All heavy atoms as atom14 arrays in JSON, in Angstrom:
{
  "sequence": "KGNDDIKGLLELFGYFHDSCLKELMMWTDSY",
  "atom14_mask": [
    [1, 1, 1, 1, 1, 1, 1, 1, 1, 0, 0, 0, 0, 0],
    [1, 1, 1, 1, 0, 0, 0, 0, 0, 0, 0, 0, 0, 0],
    [1, 1, 1, 1, 1, 1, 1, 1, 0, 0, 0, 0, 0, 0],
    [1, 1, 1, 1, 1, 1, 1, 1, 0, 0, 0, 0, 0, 0],
    [1, 1, 1, 1, 1, 1, 1, 1, 0, 0, 0, 0, 0, 0],
    [1, 1, 1, 1, 1, 1, 1, 1, 0, 0, 0, 0, 0, 0],
    [1, 1, 1, 1, 1, 1, 1, 1, 1, 0, 0, 0, 0, 0],
    [1, 1, 1, 1, 0, 0, 0, 0, 0, 0, 0, 0, 0, 0],
    [1, 1, 1, 1, 1, 1, 1, 1, 0, 0, 0, 0, 0, 0],
    [1, 1, 1, 1, 1, 1, 1, 1, 0, 0, 0, 0, 0, 0],
    [1, 1, 1, 1, 1, 1, 1, 1, 1, 0, 0, 0, 0, 0],
    [1, 1, 1, 1, 1, 1, 1, 1, 0, 0, 0, 0, 0, 0],
    [1, 1, 1, 1, 1, 1, 1, 1, 1, 1, 1, 0, 0, 0],
    [1, 1, 1, 1, 0, 0, 0, 0, 0, 0, 0, 0, 0, 0],
    [1, 1, 1, 1, 1, 1, 1, 1, 1, 1, 1, 1, 0, 0],
    [1, 1, 1, 1, 1, 1, 1, 1, 1, 1, 1, 0, 0, 0],
    [1, 1, 1, 1, 1, 1, 1, 1, 1, 1, 0, 0, 0, 0],
    [1, 1, 1, 1, 1, 1, 1, 1, 0, 0, 0, 0, 0, 0],
    [1, 1, 1, 1, 1, 1, 0, 0, 0, 0, 0, 0, 0, 0],
    [1, 1, 1, 1, 1, 1, 0, 0, 0, 0, 0, 0, 0, 0],
    [1, 1, 1, 1, 1, 1, 1, 1, 0, 0, 0, 0, 0, 0],
    [1, 1, 1, 1, 1, 1, 1, 1, 1, 0, 0, 0, 0, 0],
    [1, 1, 1, 1, 1, 1, 1, 1, 1, 0, 0, 0, 0, 0],
    [1, 1, 1, 1, 1, 1, 1, 1, 0, 0, 0, 0, 0, 0],
    [1, 1, 1, 1, 1, 1, 1, 1, 0, 0, 0, 0, 0, 0],
    [1, 1, 1, 1, 1, 1, 1, 1, 0, 0, 0, 0, 0, 0],
    [1, 1, 1, 1, 1, 1, 1, 1, 1, 1, 1, 1, 1, 1],
    [1, 1, 1, 1, 1, 1, 1, 0, 0, 0, 0, 0, 0, 0],
    [1, 1, 1, 1, 1, 1, 1, 1, 0, 0, 0, 0, 0, 0],
    [1, 1, 1, 1, 1, 1, 0, 0, 0, 0, 0, 0, 0, 0],
    [1, 1, 1, 1, 1, 1, 1, 1, 1, 1, 1, 1, 0, 0]
  ],
  "atom14_positions": [
    [[7.06, -25.42, 28.93], [7.66, -26.62, 28.34], [8.42, -26.33, 27.06], [9.22, -27.15, 26.61], [6.58, -27.66, 28.07], [5.91, -28.16, 29.33], [4.82, -29.16, 29.01], [4.13, -29.61, 30.26], [2.97, -30.46, 30.0], [0.0, 0.0, 0.0], [0.0, 0.0, 0.0], [0.0, 0.0, 0.0], [0.0, 0.0, 0.0], [0.0, 0.0, 0.0]],
    [[8.15, -25.19, 26.43], [8.8, -24.9, 25.16], [8.58, -23.45, 24.75], [8.02, -22.64, 25.49], [0.0, 0.0, 0.0], [0.0, 0.0, 0.0], [0.0, 0.0, 0.0], [0.0, 0.0, 0.0], [0.0, 0.0, 0.0], [0.0, 0.0, 0.0], [0.0, 0.0, 0.0], [0.0, 0.0, 0.0], [0.0, 0.0, 0.0], [0.0, 0.0, 0.0]],
    [[9.0, -23.14, 23.55], [8.95, -21.76, 23.05], [7.53, -21.21, 22.92], [7.32, -20.01, 23.1], [9.71, -21.65, 21.74], [11.21, -21.75, 21.96], [11.74, -21.21, 22.93], [11.9, -22.45, 21.07], [0.0, 0.0, 0.0], [0.0, 0.0, 0.0], [0.0, 0.0, 0.0], [0.0, 0.0, 0.0], [0.0, 0.0, 0.0], [0.0, 0.0, 0.0]],
    [[6.56, -22.07, 22.61], [5.18, -21.58, 22.54], [4.68, -21.13, 23.91], [3.99, -20.11, 24.03], [4.25, -22.66, 21.97], [4.46, -22.91, 20.48], [5.06, -22.03, 19.81], [4.04, -23.97, 19.99], [0.0, 0.0, 0.0], [0.0, 0.0, 0.0], [0.0, 0.0, 0.0], [0.0, 0.0, 0.0], [0.0, 0.0, 0.0], [0.0, 0.0, 0.0]],
    [[5.05, -21.88, 24.95], [4.67, -21.49, 26.32], [5.36, -20.19, 26.72], [4.76, -19.34, 27.38], [5.05, -22.59, 27.32], [4.31, -23.88, 27.06], [3.14, -23.85, 26.63], [4.91, -24.95, 27.31], [0.0, 0.0, 0.0], [0.0, 0.0, 0.0], [0.0, 0.0, 0.0], [0.0, 0.0, 0.0], [0.0, 0.0, 0.0], [0.0, 0.0, 0.0]],
    [[6.62, -20.04, 26.33], [7.37, -18.81, 26.62], [6.69, -17.62, 25.96], [6.43, -16.6, 26.59], [8.83, -18.94, 26.15], [9.58, -19.93, 27.04], [9.52, -17.58, 26.12], [10.96, -20.3, 26.53], [0.0, 0.0, 0.0], [0.0, 0.0, 0.0], [0.0, 0.0, 0.0], [0.0, 0.0, 0.0], [0.0, 0.0, 0.0], [0.0, 0.0, 0.0]],
    [[6.4, -17.77, 24.66], [5.76, -16.68, 23.93], [4.41, -16.32, 24.55], [4.08, -15.15, 24.71], [5.58, -17.08, 22.46], [4.96, -16.0, 21.61], [4.81, -16.43, 20.16], [4.15, -15.33, 19.35], [3.86, -15.75, 17.99], [0.0, 0.0, 0.0], [0.0, 0.0, 0.0], [0.0, 0.0, 0.0], [0.0, 0.0, 0.0], [0.0, 0.0, 0.0]],
    [[3.65, -17.34, 24.94], [2.35, -17.1, 25.55], [2.45, -16.31, 26.85], [1.69, -15.37, 27.08], [0.0, 0.0, 0.0], [0.0, 0.0, 0.0], [0.0, 0.0, 0.0], [0.0, 0.0, 0.0], [0.0, 0.0, 0.0], [0.0, 0.0, 0.0], [0.0, 0.0, 0.0], [0.0, 0.0, 0.0], [0.0, 0.0, 0.0], [0.0, 0.0, 0.0]],
    [[3.41, -16.68, 27.71], [3.57, -15.96, 28.98], [4.04, -14.53, 28.75], [3.5, -13.6, 29.33], [4.56, -16.69, 29.89], [4.94, -15.95, 31.17], [3.71, -15.63, 32.02], [5.98, -16.72, 31.96], [0.0, 0.0, 0.0], [0.0, 0.0, 0.0], [0.0, 0.0, 0.0], [0.0, 0.0, 0.0], [0.0, 0.0, 0.0], [0.0, 0.0, 0.0]],
    [[5.05, -14.36, 27.89], [5.56, -13.01, 27.63], [4.48, -12.11, 27.03], [4.35, -10.95, 27.44], [6.78, -13.07, 26.72], [8.06, -13.65, 27.35], [9.16, -13.78, 26.29], [8.52, -12.83, 28.54], [0.0, 0.0, 0.0], [0.0, 0.0, 0.0], [0.0, 0.0, 0.0], [0.0, 0.0, 0.0], [0.0, 0.0, 0.0], [0.0, 0.0, 0.0]],
    [[3.7, -12.63, 26.11], [2.62, -11.82, 25.53], [1.53, -11.53, 26.57], [1.04, -10.4, 26.66], [2.03, -12.52, 24.3], [2.98, -12.47, 23.12], [2.44, -13.18, 21.88], [1.35, -13.8, 21.95], [3.12, -13.11, 20.84], [0.0, 0.0, 0.0], [0.0, 0.0, 0.0], [0.0, 0.0, 0.0], [0.0, 0.0, 0.0], [0.0, 0.0, 0.0]],
    [[1.16, -12.52, 27.37], [0.12, -12.33, 28.38], [0.53, -11.27, 29.39], [-0.29, -10.45, 29.8], [-0.16, -13.65, 29.1], [-1.21, -13.57, 30.21], [-2.61, -13.43, 29.61], [-1.13, -14.8, 31.1], [0.0, 0.0, 0.0], [0.0, 0.0, 0.0], [0.0, 0.0, 0.0], [0.0, 0.0, 0.0], [0.0, 0.0, 0.0], [0.0, 0.0, 0.0]],
    [[1.8, -11.27, 29.79], [2.26, -10.33, 30.82], [2.97, -9.12, 30.2], [3.69, -8.39, 30.87], [3.18, -11.04, 31.82], [3.19, -10.41, 33.19], [2.03, -10.3, 33.94], [4.36, -9.91, 33.72], [2.04, -9.7, 35.2], [4.39, -9.32, 34.98], [3.23, -9.22, 35.72], [0.0, 0.0, 0.0], [0.0, 0.0, 0.0], [0.0, 0.0, 0.0]],
    [[2.71, -8.88, 28.91], [3.21, -7.67, 28.25], [4.71, -7.54, 28.25], [5.23, -6.42, 28.34], [0.0, 0.0, 0.0], [0.0, 0.0, 0.0], [0.0, 0.0, 0.0], [0.0, 0.0, 0.0], [0.0, 0.0, 0.0], [0.0, 0.0, 0.0], [0.0, 0.0, 0.0], [0.0, 0.0, 0.0], [0.0, 0.0, 0.0], [0.0, 0.0, 0.0]],
    [[5.41, -8.68, 28.16], [6.87, -8.7, 28.19], [7.41, -8.0, 29.44], [8.49, -7.45, 29.43], [7.46, -8.1, 26.91], [7.23, -8.99, 25.73], [6.01, -8.96, 25.03], [8.18, -9.9, 25.31], [5.77, -9.81, 23.96], [7.96, -10.74, 24.23], [6.75, -10.7, 23.57], [6.52, -11.55, 22.5], [0.0, 0.0, 0.0], [0.0, 0.0, 0.0]],
    [[6.61, -8.02, 30.51], [6.95, -7.45, 31.82], [7.06, -5.93, 31.77], [7.62, -5.31, 32.67], [8.24, -8.06, 32.38], [8.08, -9.5, 32.82], [8.01, -10.53, 31.89], [7.98, -9.81, 34.15], [7.86, -11.85, 32.29], [7.81, -11.13, 34.57], [7.76, -12.15, 33.63], [0.0, 0.0, 0.0], [0.0, 0.0, 0.0], [0.0, 0.0, 0.0]],
    [[6.49, -5.29, 30.72], [6.56, -3.83, 30.61], [5.85, -3.17, 31.8], [4.76, -3.57, 32.18], [5.91, -3.37, 29.29], [5.93, -1.88, 29.14], [7.08, -1.18, 28.88], [4.94, -0.97, 29.23], [6.8, 0.11, 28.81], [5.5, 0.27, 29.02], [0.0, 0.0, 0.0], [0.0, 0.0, 0.0], [0.0, 0.0, 0.0], [0.0, 0.0, 0.0]],
    [[6.49, -2.15, 32.36], [5.97, -1.43, 33.53], [5.62, -2.39, 34.67], [4.56, -2.3, 35.29], [4.75, -0.58, 33.17], [5.16, 0.71, 32.47], [6.35, 1.06, 32.49], [4.27, 1.38, 31.91], [0.0, 0.0, 0.0], [0.0, 0.0, 0.0], [0.0, 0.0, 0.0], [0.0, 0.0, 0.0], [0.0, 0.0, 0.0], [0.0, 0.0, 0.0]],
    [[6.53, -3.31, 34.94], [6.35, -4.24, 36.05], [7.46, -4.02, 37.07], [8.39, -3.24, 36.86], [6.35, -5.69, 35.55], [7.64, -6.08, 35.13], [0.0, 0.0, 0.0], [0.0, 0.0, 0.0], [0.0, 0.0, 0.0], [0.0, 0.0, 0.0], [0.0, 0.0, 0.0], [0.0, 0.0, 0.0], [0.0, 0.0, 0.0], [0.0, 0.0, 0.0]],
    [[7.34, -4.73, 38.17], [8.39, -4.7, 39.19], [8.45, -6.06, 39.86], [7.44, -6.78, 39.92], [8.14, -3.6, 40.21], [6.61, -3.79, 41.16], [0.0, 0.0, 0.0], [0.0, 0.0, 0.0], [0.0, 0.0, 0.0], [0.0, 0.0, 0.0], [0.0, 0.0, 0.0], [0.0, 0.0, 0.0], [0.0, 0.0, 0.0], [0.0, 0.0, 0.0]],
    [[9.63, -6.39, 40.33], [9.8, -7.58, 41.16], [9.39, -7.18, 42.57], [10.07, -6.39, 43.22], [11.25, -8.07, 41.13], [11.6, -9.2, 42.08], [10.72, -10.42, 41.88], [13.07, -9.56, 41.94], [0.0, 0.0, 0.0], [0.0, 0.0, 0.0], [0.0, 0.0, 0.0], [0.0, 0.0, 0.0], [0.0, 0.0, 0.0], [0.0, 0.0, 0.0]],
    [[8.26, -7.67, 43.03], [7.73, -7.31, 44.35], [8.44, -8.09, 45.45], [8.83, -7.54, 46.46], [6.22, -7.59, 44.37], [5.55, -7.57, 45.72], [5.38, -6.16, 46.27], [4.48, -6.1, 47.48], [5.03, -6.6, 48.72], [0.0, 0.0, 0.0], [0.0, 0.0, 0.0], [0.0, 0.0, 0.0], [0.0, 0.0, 0.0], [0.0, 0.0, 0.0]],
    [[8.6, -9.4, 45.25], [9.2, -10.25, 46.28], [9.88, -11.44, 45.62], [9.52, -11.83, 44.51], [8.13, -10.8, 47.24], [7.36, -9.76, 47.97], [6.26, -10.36, 48.85], [6.49, -11.42, 49.47], [5.18, -9.76, 48.9], [0.0, 0.0, 0.0], [0.0, 0.0, 0.0], [0.0, 0.0, 0.0], [0.0, 0.0, 0.0], [0.0, 0.0, 0.0]],
    [[10.83, -12.03, 46.35], [11.37, -13.31, 45.94], [11.72, -14.12, 47.17], [12.0, -13.57, 48.23], [12.57, -13.17, 45.0], [13.93, -12.72, 45.5], [14.72, -13.88, 46.06], [14.69, -12.13, 44.33], [0.0, 0.0, 0.0], [0.0, 0.0, 0.0], [0.0, 0.0, 0.0], [0.0, 0.0, 0.0], [0.0, 0.0, 0.0], [0.0, 0.0, 0.0]],
    [[11.66, -15.42, 47.02], [11.99, -16.34, 48.09], [12.8, -17.48, 47.49], [12.47, -17.99, 46.42], [10.72, -16.88, 48.74], [10.99, -17.85, 49.86], [9.5, -18.37, 50.75], [8.53, -19.11, 49.46], [0.0, 0.0, 0.0], [0.0, 0.0, 0.0], [0.0, 0.0, 0.0], [0.0, 0.0, 0.0], [0.0, 0.0, 0.0], [0.0, 0.0, 0.0]],
    [[13.88, -17.87, 48.18], [14.73, -18.96, 47.72], [14.85, -19.98, 48.83], [14.87, -19.62, 50.01], [16.11, -18.42, 47.37], [17.0, -19.47, 46.73], [18.74, -19.2, 47.09], [18.9, -19.96, 48.66], [0.0, 0.0, 0.0], [0.0, 0.0, 0.0], [0.0, 0.0, 0.0], [0.0, 0.0, 0.0], [0.0, 0.0, 0.0], [0.0, 0.0, 0.0]],
    [[14.92, -21.28, 48.48], [15.14, -22.32, 49.47], [15.79, -23.52, 48.82], [15.83, -23.65, 47.59], [13.83, -22.7, 50.17], [12.83, -23.44, 49.33], [12.63, -24.79, 49.29], [11.89, -22.87, 48.41], [11.62, -25.09, 48.41], [11.15, -23.93, 47.86], [11.61, -21.57, 47.99], [10.15, -23.74, 46.91], [10.61, -21.37, 47.06], [9.9, -22.44, 46.54]],
    [[16.35, -24.38, 49.67], [16.95, -25.64, 49.23], [16.37, -26.76, 50.08], [15.62, -26.52, 51.02], [18.49, -25.62, 49.4], [18.79, -25.62, 50.81], [19.12, -24.43, 48.71], [0.0, 0.0, 0.0], [0.0, 0.0, 0.0], [0.0, 0.0, 0.0], [0.0, 0.0, 0.0], [0.0, 0.0, 0.0], [0.0, 0.0, 0.0], [0.0, 0.0, 0.0]],
    [[16.76, -27.99, 49.76], [16.33, -29.14, 50.56], [17.26, -29.39, 51.73], [17.04, -30.33, 52.5], [16.25, -30.39, 49.68], [15.15, -30.28, 48.63], [14.19, -29.51, 48.85], [15.25, -30.97, 47.59], [0.0, 0.0, 0.0], [0.0, 0.0, 0.0], [0.0, 0.0, 0.0], [0.0, 0.0, 0.0], [0.0, 0.0, 0.0], [0.0, 0.0, 0.0]],
    [[18.31, -28.61, 51.89], [19.27, -28.79, 52.97], [18.77, -28.14, 54.26], [18.12, -27.11, 54.23], [20.62, -28.16, 52.6], [21.14, -28.77, 51.44], [0.0, 0.0, 0.0], [0.0, 0.0, 0.0], [0.0, 0.0, 0.0], [0.0, 0.0, 0.0], [0.0, 0.0, 0.0], [0.0, 0.0, 0.0], [0.0, 0.0, 0.0], [0.0, 0.0, 0.0]],
    [[19.08, -28.78, 55.39], [18.71, -28.23, 56.7], [19.48, -28.95, 57.79], [20.05, -30.02, 57.58], [17.2, -28.37, 56.95], [16.73, -29.8, 57.02], [16.66, -30.47, 58.24], [16.36, -30.48, 55.87], [16.24, -31.79, 58.3], [15.94, -31.79, 55.92], [15.88, -32.45, 57.13], [15.47, -33.75, 57.19], [0.0, 0.0, 0.0], [0.0, 0.0, 0.0]]
  ]
}
């Protein structure tokens, strides 16, 4: 919701250090 939440996530996940994007999925409401 704001900068405090951002800081909390980045600190919790170590600023993504030594991480990888394993998977991603995208979708829309169109069909």
